[in-house]
Amino acid sequence: MALGRIVHYAVDAVLVSTVVAGIRRSSGFTVDTTRISDPTMRSLADRFLGVGETIFDMATATSVNSDYFRKDSRR
């Protein structure tokens, strides 16, 4: 039961990080990690956001190569 809860929280954290990466890509706004004073926590935050960037890149690559997605002509 405890392992399932840990996995659940880890997946939730990755999803939040991926949403933040999508916000950064679409709007240019990002989390200002320079405001975190502790260098260890800042490094963890940067890694956390980096995981979201990686997942977002993987999802983008998958959608580009998929027949189920097409580029919106309005952009």
Protein backbone atom coordinates (compact mmCIF):
# COMPACT_ATOMS: atom_id res chain seq x y z
CA MET A 1 0.00 0.00 0.00
CA ALA A 2 2.79 2.45 0.83
CA LEU A 3 4.62 1.67 -2.41
CA GLY A 4 1.46 2.33 -4.42
CA ARG A 5 1.02 5.69 -2.73
CA ILE A 6 4.63 6.66 -3.44
CA VAL A 7 4.24 5.71 -7.11
CA HIS A 8 0.99 7.68 -7.26
CA TYR A 9 2.65 10.81 -5.85
CA ALA A 10 5.61 10.41 -8.19
CA VAL A 11 3.33 10.18 -11.24
CA ASP A 12 1.38 13.22 -10.02
CA ALA A 13 4.63 15.17 -9.63
CA VAL A 14 5.71 14.27 -13.17
CA LEU A 15 2.33 15.37 -14.52
CA VAL A 16 2.57 18.72 -12.73
CA SER A 17 6.09 19.20 -14.05
CA THR A 18 4.92 18.38 -17.57
CA VAL A 19 2.08 20.90 -17.34
CA VAL A 20 4.55 23.57 -16.19
CA ALA A 21 6.77 22.68 -19.17
CA GLY A 22 3.79 23.07 -21.49
CA ILE A 23 2.98 26.46 -19.99
CA ARG A 24 6.58 27.53 -20.51
CA ARG A 25 6.57 26.38 -24.12
CA SER A 26 3.24 27.97 -25.02
CA SER A 27 3.45 31.25 -23.10
CA GLY A 28 7.10 31.81 -22.21
CA PHE A 29 6.36 32.04 -18.48
CA THR A 30 8.44 29.80 -16.25
CA VAL A 31 9.12 29.15 -12.60
CA ASP A 32 11.85 31.47 -11.30
CA THR A 33 14.11 29.02 -9.51
CA THR A 34 16.69 31.72 -8.81
CA ARG A 35 14.42 32.91 -6.00
CA ILE A 36 15.08 29.66 -4.11
CA SER A 37 17.86 30.51 -1.69
CA ASP A 38 19.01 26.99 -0.82
CA PRO A 39 21.25 25.65 -3.60
CA THR A 40 20.21 22.04 -2.98
CA MET A 41 16.50 22.87 -3.23
CA ARG A 42 17.14 25.01 -6.32
CA SER A 43 18.95 22.08 -7.95
CA LEU A 44 16.06 19.74 -7.09
CA ALA A 45 13.55 22.22 -8.53
CA ASP A 46 15.59 22.52 -11.73
CA ARG A 47 15.74 18.73 -12.03
CA PHE A 48 12.01 18.47 -11.32
CA LEU A 49 11.28 20.96 -14.10
CA GLY A 50 13.77 19.20 -16.38
CA VAL A 51 11.84 15.94 -16.04
CA GLY A 52 8.72 17.74 -17.22
CA GLU A 53 10.61 19.16 -20.19
CA THR A 54 11.78 15.66 -21.13
CA ILE A 55 8.30 14.16 -20.86
CA PHE A 56 6.84 17.07 -22.84
CA ASP A 57 9.46 16.55 -25.58
CA MET A 58 8.65 12.84 -25.70
CA ALA A 59 4.91 13.55 -25.95
CA THR A 60 5.51 16.11 -28.70
CA ALA A 61 7.70 13.70 -30.67
CA THR A 62 5.09 10.98 -30.32
CA SER A 63 2.29 13.23 -31.53
CA VAL A 64 4.33 14.50 -34.49
CA ASN A 65 4.98 10.95 -35.66
CA SER A 66 1.42 9.74 -35.05
CA ASP A 67 -1.37 9.50 -37.61
CA TYR A 68 -3.88 10.51 -34.92
CA PHE A 69 -2.59 14.09 -34.68
CA ARG A 70 -2.37 16.84 -37.28
CA LYS A 71 -0.97 20.36 -37.19
CA ASP A 72 -3.55 23.09 -36.65
CA SER A 73 -3.64 25.31 -39.73
CA ARG A 74 -4.46 28.45 -37.70
CA ARG A 75 -0.91 28.79 -36.38
